[in-house]
């Protein structure tokens, strides 16, 4: 349903990531898998909000995923992003 849109957004994000200046290397670089997980969670939350779902739990997990990504902890970022996606999907069922 939203997979083509997500794929286009990811392609755009990844292509812009190569344009970053060396001075913007403050944060640890994330793997493509971690970036995909964060992007998918964000899209799932937006979709759930558009369907009037309760995204409180999803937003909390997404916040934890962003914090883990900022620390460079990819495993935790992916785990929390996945939890956020699942919570968002469950909120509209």
PDB file of N, CA and C in Angstrom:
ATOM      1  N   UNK A   1       0.838  -1.182   0.000  1.00  0.00           N
ATOM      2  CA  UNK A   1       0.000   0.000   0.000  1.00  0.00           C
ATOM      3  C   UNK A   1       0.883   1.246   0.000  1.00  0.00           C
ATOM      4  N   UNK A   2       1.735   1.417   0.988  1.00  0.00           N
ATOM      5  CA  UNK A   2       2.602   2.589   1.051  1.00  0.00           C
ATOM      6  C   UNK A   2       4.036   2.247   0.678  1.00  0.00           C
ATOM      7  N   UNK A   3       4.294   1.020   0.289  1.00  0.00           N
ATOM      8  CA  UNK A   3       5.661   0.582   0.022  1.00  0.00           C
ATOM      9  C   UNK A   3       6.326   1.389  -1.085  1.00  0.00           C
ATOM     10  N   UNK A   4       5.653   1.660  -2.232  1.00  0.00           N
ATOM     11  CA  UNK A   4       6.334   2.464  -3.263  1.00  0.00           C
ATOM     12  C   UNK A   4       6.700   3.856  -2.758  1.00  0.00           C
ATOM     13  N   UNK A   5       5.829   4.466  -1.976  1.00  0.00           N
ATOM     14  CA  UNK A   5       6.110   5.791  -1.439  1.00  0.00           C
ATOM     15  C   UNK A   5       7.309   5.755  -0.509  1.00  0.00           C
ATOM     16  N   UNK A   6       7.347   4.740   0.348  1.00  0.00           N
ATOM     17  CA  UNK A   6       8.456   4.602   1.292  1.00  0.00           C
ATOM     18  C   UNK A   6       9.757   4.370   0.531  1.00  0.00           C
ATOM     19  N   UNK A   7       9.687   3.555  -0.511  1.00  0.00           N
ATOM     20  CA  UNK A   7      10.891   3.282  -1.302  1.00  0.00           C
ATOM     21  C   UNK A   7      11.401   4.557  -1.968  1.00  0.00           C
ATOM     22  N   UNK A   8      10.484   5.385  -2.477  1.00  0.00           N
ATOM     23  CA  UNK A   8      10.902   6.645  -3.105  1.00  0.00           C
ATOM     24  C   UNK A   8      11.492   7.597  -2.075  1.00  0.00           C
ATOM     25  N   UNK A   9      10.887   7.649  -0.891  1.00  0.00           N
ATOM     26  CA  UNK A   9      11.404   8.526   0.155  1.00  0.00           C
ATOM     27  C   UNK A   9      12.798   8.082   0.584  1.00  0.00           C
ATOM     28  N   UNK A  10      12.983   6.760   0.716  1.00  0.00           N
ATOM     29  CA  UNK A  10      14.281   6.248   1.119  1.00  0.00           C
ATOM     30  C   UNK A  10      15.335   6.556   0.061  1.00  0.00           C
ATOM     31  N   UNK A  11      14.983   6.369  -1.212  1.00  0.00           N
ATOM     32  CA  UNK A  11      15.936   6.651  -2.285  1.00  0.00           C
ATOM     33  C   UNK A  11      16.350   8.122  -2.258  1.00  0.00           C
ATOM     34  N   UNK A  12      15.391   8.995  -2.037  1.00  0.00           N
ATOM     35  CA  UNK A  12      15.702  10.423  -1.951  1.00  0.00           C
ATOM     36  C   UNK A  12      16.560  10.746  -0.750  1.00  0.00           C
ATOM     37  N   UNK A  13      16.249  10.132   0.363  1.00  0.00           N
ATOM     38  CA  UNK A  13      17.014  10.366   1.590  1.00  0.00           C
ATOM     39  C   UNK A  13      18.443   9.879   1.433  1.00  0.00           C
ATOM     40  N   UNK A  14      18.597   8.699   0.876  1.00  0.00           N
ATOM     41  CA  UNK A  14      19.934   8.145   0.709  1.00  0.00           C
ATOM     42  C   UNK A  14      20.752   8.930  -0.305  1.00  0.00           C
ATOM     43  N   UNK A  15      20.094   9.421  -1.359  1.00  0.00           N
ATOM     44  CA  UNK A  15      20.841  10.200  -2.342  1.00  0.00           C
ATOM     45  C   UNK A  15      21.289  11.533  -1.753  1.00  0.00           C
ATOM     46  N   UNK A  16      20.481  12.109  -0.885  1.00  0.00           N
ATOM     47  CA  UNK A  16      20.869  13.357  -0.239  1.00  0.00           C
ATOM     48  C   UNK A  16      21.924  13.140   0.835  1.00  0.00           C
ATOM     49  N   UNK A  17      21.942  11.949   1.401  1.00  0.00           N
ATOM     50  CA  UNK A  17      22.921  11.659   2.449  1.00  0.00           C
ATOM     51  C   UNK A  17      24.338  11.746   1.903  1.00  0.00           C
ATOM     52  N   UNK A  18      24.520  11.420   0.649  1.00  0.00           N
ATOM     53  CA  UNK A  18      25.840  11.506   0.035  1.00  0.00           C
ATOM     54  C   UNK A  18      26.291  12.938  -0.189  1.00  0.00           C
ATOM     55  N   UNK A  19      25.365  13.877  -0.121  1.00  0.00           N
ATOM     56  CA  UNK A  19      25.687  15.286  -0.358  1.00  0.00           C
ATOM     57  C   UNK A  19      26.078  16.022   0.918  1.00  0.00           C
ATOM     58  N   UNK A  20      26.064  15.357   2.048  1.00  0.00           N
ATOM     59  CA  UNK A  20      26.363  16.016   3.315  1.00  0.00           C
ATOM     60  C   UNK A  20      27.822  16.465   3.346  1.00  0.00           C
ATOM     61  N   UNK A  21      28.024  17.587   3.938  1.00  0.00           N
ATOM     62  CA  UNK A  21      29.384  18.109   4.029  1.00  0.00           C
ATOM     63  C   UNK A  21      30.140  17.389   5.137  1.00  0.00           C
ATOM     64  N   UNK A  22      31.457  17.351   5.066  1.00  0.00           N
ATOM     65  CA  UNK A  22      32.230  16.696   6.118  1.00  0.00           C
ATOM     66  C   UNK A  22      32.020  17.328   7.498  1.00  0.00           C
ATOM     67  N   UNK A  23      31.599  18.572   7.531  1.00  0.00           N
ATOM     68  CA  UNK A  23      31.385  19.246   8.807  1.00  0.00           C
ATOM     69  C   UNK A  23      30.132  18.761   9.516  1.00  0.00           C
ATOM     70  N   UNK A  24      29.222  18.100   8.794  1.00  0.00           N
ATOM     71  CA  UNK A  24      27.975  17.655   9.409  1.00  0.00           C
ATOM     72  C   UNK A  24      28.084  16.226   9.939  1.00  0.00           C
ATOM     73  N   UNK A  25      29.268  15.765  10.240  1.00  0.00           N
ATOM     74  CA  UNK A  25      29.486  14.401  10.713  1.00  0.00           C
ATOM     75  C   UNK A  25      29.413  14.305  12.240  1.00  0.00           C
ATOM     76  N   UNK A  26      28.570  15.120  12.871  1.00  0.00           N
ATOM     77  CA  UNK A  26      28.440  15.116  14.323  1.00  0.00           C
ATOM     78  C   UNK A  26      27.877  13.793  14.831  1.00  0.00           C
ATOM     79  N   UNK A  27      26.875  13.252  14.134  1.00  0.00           N
ATOM     80  CA  UNK A  27      26.216  12.040  14.563  1.00  0.00           C
ATOM     81  C   UNK A  27      26.890  10.832  13.925  1.00  0.00           C
ATOM     82  N   UNK A  28      26.853   9.705  14.622  1.00  0.00           N
ATOM     83  CA  UNK A  28      27.406   8.485  14.032  1.00  0.00           C
ATOM     84  C   UNK A  28      26.591   8.081  12.804  1.00  0.00           C
ATOM     85  N   UNK A  29      27.256   7.569  11.790  1.00  0.00           N
ATOM     86  CA  UNK A  29      26.573   7.133  10.583  1.00  0.00           C
ATOM     87  C   UNK A  29      25.762   5.875  10.883  1.00  0.00           C
ATOM     88  N   UNK A  30      24.533   5.834  10.384  1.00  0.00           N
ATOM     89  CA  UNK A  30      23.669   4.679  10.587  1.00  0.00           C
ATOM     90  C   UNK A  30      23.663   3.811   9.344  1.00  0.00           C
ATOM     91  N   UNK A  31      23.474   2.532   9.540  1.00  0.00           N
ATOM     92  CA  UNK A  31      23.364   1.619   8.410  1.00  0.00           C
ATOM     93  C   UNK A  31      22.063   1.894   7.657  1.00  0.00           C
ATOM     94  N   UNK A  32      22.004   1.395   6.450  1.00  0.00           N
ATOM     95  CA  UNK A  32      20.793   1.548   5.646  1.00  0.00           C
ATOM     96  C   UNK A  32      19.626   0.854   6.344  1.00  0.00           C
ATOM     97  N   UNK A  33      19.896  -0.278   6.968  1.00  0.00           N
ATOM     98  CA  UNK A  33      18.842  -1.008   7.670  1.00  0.00           C
ATOM     99  C   UNK A  33      18.240  -0.160   8.796  1.00  0.00           C
ATOM    100  N   UNK A  34      19.084   0.510   9.561  1.00  0.00           N
ATOM    101  CA  UNK A  34      18.597   1.356  10.653  1.00  0.00           C
ATOM    102  C   UNK A  34      17.833   2.560  10.105  1.00  0.00           C
ATOM    103  N   UNK A  35      18.337   3.154   9.026  1.00  0.00           N
ATOM    104  CA  UNK A  35      17.639   4.280   8.409  1.00  0.00           C
ATOM    105  C   UNK A  35      16.272   3.854   7.897  1.00  0.00           C
ATOM    106  N   UNK A  36      16.216   2.664   7.275  1.00  0.00           N
ATOM    107  CA  UNK A  36      14.938   2.142   6.766  1.00  0.00           C
ATOM    108  C   UNK A  36      13.956   1.912   7.908  1.00  0.00           C
ATOM    109  N   UNK A  37      14.437   1.352   9.012  1.00  0.00           N
ATOM    110  CA  UNK A  37      13.563   1.074  10.153  1.00  0.00           C
ATOM    111  C   UNK A  37      12.986   2.369  10.721  1.00  0.00           C
ATOM    112  N   UNK A  38      13.824   3.388  10.850  1.00  0.00           N
ATOM    113  CA  UNK A  38      13.350   4.675  11.364  1.00  0.00           C
ATOM    114  C   UNK A  38      12.345   5.317  10.409  1.00  0.00           C
ATOM    115  N   UNK A  39      12.648   5.260   9.122  1.00  0.00           N
ATOM    116  CA  UNK A  39      11.752   5.845   8.130  1.00  0.00           C
ATOM    117  C   UNK A  39      10.417   5.115   8.102  1.00  0.00           C
ATOM    118  N   UNK A  40      10.459   3.785   8.173  1.00  0.00           N
ATOM    119  CA  UNK A  40       9.219   3.006   8.178  1.00  0.00           C
ATOM    120  C   UNK A  40       8.384   3.319   9.414  1.00  0.00           C
ATOM    121  N   UNK A  41       9.021   3.428  10.559  1.00  0.00           N
ATOM    122  CA  UNK A  41       8.294   3.754  11.786  1.00  0.00           C
ATOM    123  C   UNK A  41       7.628   5.123  11.669  1.00  0.00           C
ATOM    124  N   UNK A  42       8.363   6.083  11.135  1.00  0.00           N
ATOM    125  CA  UNK A  42       7.799   7.424  10.969  1.00  0.00           C
ATOM    126  C   UNK A  42       6.581   7.395  10.052  1.00  0.00           C
ATOM    127  N   UNK A  43       6.693   6.672   8.945  1.00  0.00           N
ATOM    128  CA  UNK A  43       5.572   6.579   8.009  1.00  0.00           C
ATOM    129  C   UNK A  43       4.380   5.850   8.624  1.00  0.00           C
ATOM    130  N   UNK A  44       4.641   4.785   9.378  1.00  0.00           N
ATOM    131  CA  UNK A  44       3.554   4.050  10.023  1.00  0.00           C
ATOM    132  C   UNK A  44       2.832   4.923  11.050  1.00  0.00           C
ATOM    133  N   UNK A  45       3.574   5.738  11.776  1.00  0.00           N
ATOM    134  CA  UNK A  45       2.960   6.639  12.754  1.00  0.00           C
ATOM    135  C   UNK A  45       2.099   7.681  12.049  1.00  0.00           C
ATOM    136  N   UNK A  46       2.614   8.242  10.974  1.00  0.00           N
ATOM    137  CA  UNK A  46       1.833   9.231  10.219  1.00  0.00           C
ATOM    138  C   UNK A  46       0.554   8.607   9.668  1.00  0.00           C
ATOM    139  N   UNK A  47       0.667   7.380   9.160  1.00  0.00           N
ATOM    140  CA  UNK A  47      -0.515   6.684   8.641  1.00  0.00           C
ATOM    141  C   UNK A  47      -1.525   6.451   9.757  1.00  0.00           C
ATOM    142  N   UNK A  48      -1.056   5.988  10.915  1.00  0.00           N
ATOM    143  CA  UNK A  48      -1.956   5.734  12.046  1.00  0.00           C
ATOM    144  C   UNK A  48      -2.636   7.019  12.499  1.00  0.00           C
ATOM    145  N   UNK A  49      -1.894   8.112  12.507  1.00  0.00           N
ATOM    146  CA  UNK A  49      -2.493   9.389  12.892  1.00  0.00           C
ATOM    147  C   UNK A  49      -3.564   9.813  11.895  1.00  0.00           C
ATOM    148  N   UNK A  50      -3.322   9.556  10.615  1.00  0.00           N
ATOM    149  CA  UNK A  50      -4.309   9.927   9.603  1.00  0.00           C
ATOM    150  C   UNK A  50      -5.588   9.107   9.749  1.00  0.00           C
ATOM    151  N   UNK A  51      -5.474   7.919  10.354  1.00  0.00           N
ATOM    152  CA  UNK A  51      -6.627   7.062  10.602  1.00  0.00           C
ATOM    153  C   UNK A  51      -7.165   7.220  12.014  1.00  0.00           C
ATOM    154  N   UNK A  52      -6.708   8.261  12.705  1.00  0.00           N
ATOM    155  CA  UNK A  52      -7.166   8.596  14.063  1.00  0.00           C
ATOM    156  C   UNK A  52      -6.814   7.514  15.081  1.00  0.00           C
ATOM    157  N   UNK A  53      -5.692   6.835  14.868  1.00  0.00           N
ATOM    158  CA  UNK A  53      -5.239   5.826  15.831  1.00  0.00           C
ATOM    159  C   UNK A  53      -4.539   6.479  17.007  1.00  0.00           C
ATOM    160  N   UNK A  54      -4.521   5.781  18.120  1.00  0.00           N
ATOM    161  CA  UNK A  54      -3.815   6.262  19.313  1.00  0.00           C
ATOM    162  C   UNK A  54      -2.334   5.912  19.152  1.00  0.00           C
ATOM    163  N   UNK A  55      -1.516   6.899  18.879  1.00  0.00           N
ATOM    164  CA  UNK A  55      -0.101   6.661  18.576  1.00  0.00           C
ATOM    165  C   UNK A  55       0.815   6.976  19.756  1.00  0.00           C
ATOM    166  N   UNK A  56       0.276   7.017  20.949  1.00  0.00           N
ATOM    167  CA  UNK A  56       1.089   7.352  22.123  1.00  0.00           C
ATOM    168  C   UNK A  56       2.241   6.368  22.316  1.00  0.00           C
ATOM    169  N   UNK A  57       1.945   5.084  22.311  1.00  0.00           N
ATOM    170  CA  UNK A  57       2.986   4.068  22.499  1.00  0.00           C
ATOM    171  C   UNK A  57       3.970   4.076  21.333  1.00  0.00           C
ATOM    172  N   UNK A  58       3.452   4.253  20.135  1.00  0.00           N
ATOM    173  CA  UNK A  58       4.312   4.281  18.948  1.00  0.00           C
ATOM    174  C   UNK A  58       5.268   5.466  19.005  1.00  0.00           C
ATOM    175  N   UNK A  59       4.768   6.611  19.403  1.00  0.00           N
ATOM    176  CA  UNK A  59       5.626   7.794  19.493  1.00  0.00           C
ATOM    177  C   UNK A  59       6.710   7.627  20.562  1.00  0.00           C
ATOM    178  N   UNK A  60       6.362   6.987  21.665  1.00  0.00           N
ATOM    179  CA  UNK A  60       7.343   6.751  22.724  1.00  0.00           C
ATOM    180  C   UNK A  60       8.470   5.840  22.206  1.00  0.00           C
ATOM    181  N   UNK A  61       8.099   4.775  21.534  1.00  0.00           N
ATOM    182  CA  UNK A  61       9.104   3.865  20.974  1.00  0.00           C
ATOM    183  C   UNK A  61       9.927   4.560  19.893  1.00  0.00           C
ATOM    184  N   UNK A  62       9.279   5.381  19.094  1.00  0.00           N
ATOM    185  CA  UNK A  62       9.989   6.107  18.031  1.00  0.00           C
ATOM    186  C   UNK A  62      10.996   7.083  18.639  1.00  0.00           C
ATOM    187  N   UNK A  63      10.618   7.741  19.714  1.00  0.00           N
ATOM    188  CA  UNK A  63      11.538   8.653  20.409  1.00  0.00           C
ATOM    189  C   UNK A  63      12.754   7.893  20.922  1.00  0.00           C
ATOM    190  N   UNK A  64      12.511   6.709  21.479  1.00  0.00           N
ATOM    191  CA  UNK A  64      13.616   5.882  21.957  1.00  0.00           C
ATOM    192  C   UNK A  64      14.514   5.447  20.799  1.00  0.00           C
ATOM    193  N   UNK A  65      13.908   5.167  19.655  1.00  0.00           N
ATOM    194  CA  UNK A  65      14.680   4.783  18.474  1.00  0.00           C
ATOM    195  C   UNK A  65      15.562   5.937  18.005  1.00  0.00           C
ATOM    196  N   UNK A  66      15.017   7.133  18.007  1.00  0.00           N
ATOM    197  CA  UNK A  66      15.799   8.306  17.601  1.00  0.00           C
ATOM    198  C   UNK A  66      16.955   8.557  18.565  1.00  0.00           C
ATOM    199  N   UNK A  67      16.699   8.396  19.848  1.00  0.00           N
ATOM    200  CA  UNK A  67      17.760   8.592  20.837  1.00  0.00           C
ATOM    201  C   UNK A  67      18.864   7.548  20.661  1.00  0.00           C
ATOM    202  N   UNK A  68      18.474   6.309  20.407  1.00  0.00           N
ATOM    203  CA  UNK A  68      19.467   5.252  20.191  1.00  0.00           C
ATOM    204  C   UNK A  68      20.274   5.538  18.929  1.00  0.00           C
ATOM    205  N   UNK A  69      19.606   6.020  17.899  1.00  0.00           N
ATOM    206  CA  UNK A  69      20.312   6.352  16.657  1.00  0.00           C
ATOM    207  C   UNK A  69      21.303   7.490  16.880  1.00  0.00           C
ATOM    208  N   UNK A  70      20.915   8.451  17.678  1.00  0.00           N
ATOM    209  CA  UNK A  70      21.810   9.576  17.971  1.00  0.00           C
ATOM    210  C   UNK A  70      23.051   9.111  18.737  1.00  0.00           C
ATOM    211  N   UNK A  71      22.889   8.074  19.552  1.00  0.00           N
ATOM    212  CA  UNK A  71      24.028   7.509  20.288  1.00  0.00           C
ATOM    213  C   UNK A  71      24.865   6.581  19.418  1.00  0.00           C
ATOM    214  N   UNK A  72      24.324   6.195  18.270  1.00  0.00           N
ATOM    215  CA  UNK A  72      25.025   5.264  17.396  1.00  0.00           C
ATOM    216  C   UNK A  72      24.735   3.809  17.715  1.00  0.00           C
ATOM    217  N   UNK A  73      23.722   3.559  18.521  1.00  0.00           N
ATOM    218  CA  UNK A  73      23.333   2.201  18.898  1.00  0.00           C
ATOM    219  C   UNK A  73      22.311   1.684  17.881  1.00  0.00           C
ATOM    220  N   UNK A  74      22.826   1.103  16.809  1.00  0.00           N
ATOM    221  CA  UNK A  74      21.953   0.660  15.717  1.00  0.00           C
ATOM    222  C   UNK A  74      20.989  -0.433  16.134  1.00  0.00           C
ATOM    223  N   UNK A  75      21.446  -1.388  16.921  1.00  0.00           N
ATOM    224  CA  UNK A  75      20.578  -2.493  17.326  1.00  0.00           C
ATOM    225  C   UNK A  75      19.365  -1.971  18.099  1.00  0.00           C
ATOM    226  N   UNK A  76      19.604  -1.067  19.030  1.00  0.00           N
ATOM    227  CA  UNK A  76      18.496  -0.501  19.808  1.00  0.00           C
ATOM    228  C   UNK A  76      17.604   0.369  18.930  1.00  0.00           C
ATOM    229  N   UNK A  77      18.200   1.104  18.003  1.00  0.00           N
ATOM    230  CA  UNK A  77      17.414   1.956  17.102  1.00  0.00           C
ATOM    231  C   UNK A  77      16.469   1.110  16.262  1.00  0.00           C
ATOM    232  N   UNK A  78      16.978   0.014  15.726  1.00  0.00           N
ATOM    233  CA  UNK A  78      16.145  -0.866  14.907  1.00  0.00           C
ATOM    234  C   UNK A  78      15.054  -1.510  15.751  1.00  0.00           C
ATOM    235  N   UNK A  79      15.414  -1.963  16.941  1.00  0.00           N
ATOM    236  CA  UNK A  79      14.441  -2.607  17.834  1.00  0.00           C
ATOM    237  C   UNK A  79      13.307  -1.650  18.187  1.00  0.00           C
ATOM    238  N   UNK A  80      13.644  -0.440  18.602  1.00  0.00           N
ATOM    239  CA  UNK A  80      12.610   0.521  18.998  1.00  0.00           C
ATOM    240  C   UNK A  80      11.806   1.012  17.789  1.00  0.00           C
ATOM    241  N   UNK A  81      12.447   1.140  16.656  1.00  0.00           N
ATOM    242  CA  UNK A  81      11.716   1.548  15.446  1.00  0.00           C
ATOM    243  C   UNK A  81      10.709   0.471  15.068  1.00  0.00           C
ATOM    244  N   UNK A  82      11.117  -0.795  15.158  1.00  0.00           N
ATOM    245  CA  UNK A  82      10.201  -1.897  14.865  1.00  0.00           C
ATOM    246  C   UNK A  82       9.028  -1.877  15.842  1.00  0.00           C
ATOM    247  N   UNK A  83       9.309  -1.664  17.128  1.00  0.00           N
ATOM    248  CA  UNK A  83       8.248  -1.586  18.136  1.00  0.00           C
ATOM    249  C   UNK A  83       7.287  -0.427  17.817  1.00  0.00           C
ATOM    250  N   UNK A  84       7.845   0.687  17.368  1.00  0.00           N
ATOM    251  CA  UNK A  84       7.013   1.846  17.024  1.00  0.00           C
ATOM    252  C   UNK A  84       6.103   1.516  15.840  1.00  0.00           C
ATOM    253  N   UNK A  85       6.652   0.858  14.839  1.00  0.00           N
ATOM    254  CA  UNK A  85       5.860   0.475  13.677  1.00  0.00           C
ATOM    255  C   UNK A  85       4.731  -0.460  14.084  1.00  0.00           C
ATOM    256  N   UNK A  86       5.050  -1.457  14.902  1.00  0.00           N
ATOM    257  CA  UNK A  86       4.030  -2.416  15.336  1.00  0.00           C
ATOM    258  C   UNK A  86       2.946  -1.732  16.158  1.00  0.00           C
ATOM    259  N   UNK A  87       3.324  -0.838  17.036  1.00  0.00           N
ATOM    260  CA  UNK A  87       2.334  -0.133  17.856  1.00  0.00           C
ATOM    261  C   UNK A  87       1.442   0.752  16.990  1.00  0.00           C
ATOM    262  N   UNK A  88       2.025   1.376  15.983  1.00  0.00           N
ATOM    263  CA  UNK A  88       1.252   2.236  15.099  1.00  0.00           C
ATOM    264  C   UNK A  88       0.242   1.407  14.306  1.00  0.00           C
ATOM    265  N   UNK A  89       0.681   0.285  13.784  1.00  0.00           N
ATOM    266  CA  UNK A  89      -0.215  -0.580  13.006  1.00  0.00           C
ATOM    267  C   UNK A  89      -1.344  -1.110  13.883  1.00  0.00           C
ATOM    268  N   UNK A  90      -1.017  -1.522  15.093  1.00  0.00           N
ATOM    269  CA  UNK A  90      -2.043  -2.045  16.007  1.00  0.00           C
ATOM    270  C   UNK A  90      -3.039  -0.969  16.402  1.00  0.00           C
ATOM    271  N   UNK A  91      -2.637   0.277  16.398  1.00  0.00           N
ATOM    272  CA  UNK A  91      -3.531   1.345  16.832  1.00  0.00           C
ATOM    273  C   UNK A  91      -4.664   1.606  15.833  1.00  0.00           C
ATOM    274  N   UNK A  92      -4.520   1.140  14.610  1.00  0.00           N
ATOM    275  CA  UNK A  92      -5.582   1.367  13.621  1.00  0.00           C
ATOM    276  C   UNK A  92      -6.381   0.110  13.321  1.00  0.00           C
ATOM    277  N   UNK A  93      -6.041  -0.997  13.940  1.00  0.00           N
ATOM    278  CA  UNK A  93      -6.807  -2.232  13.700  1.00  0.00           C
ATOM    279  C   UNK A  93      -8.026  -2.283  14.569  1.00  0.00           C
TER     280      UNK A  93
END
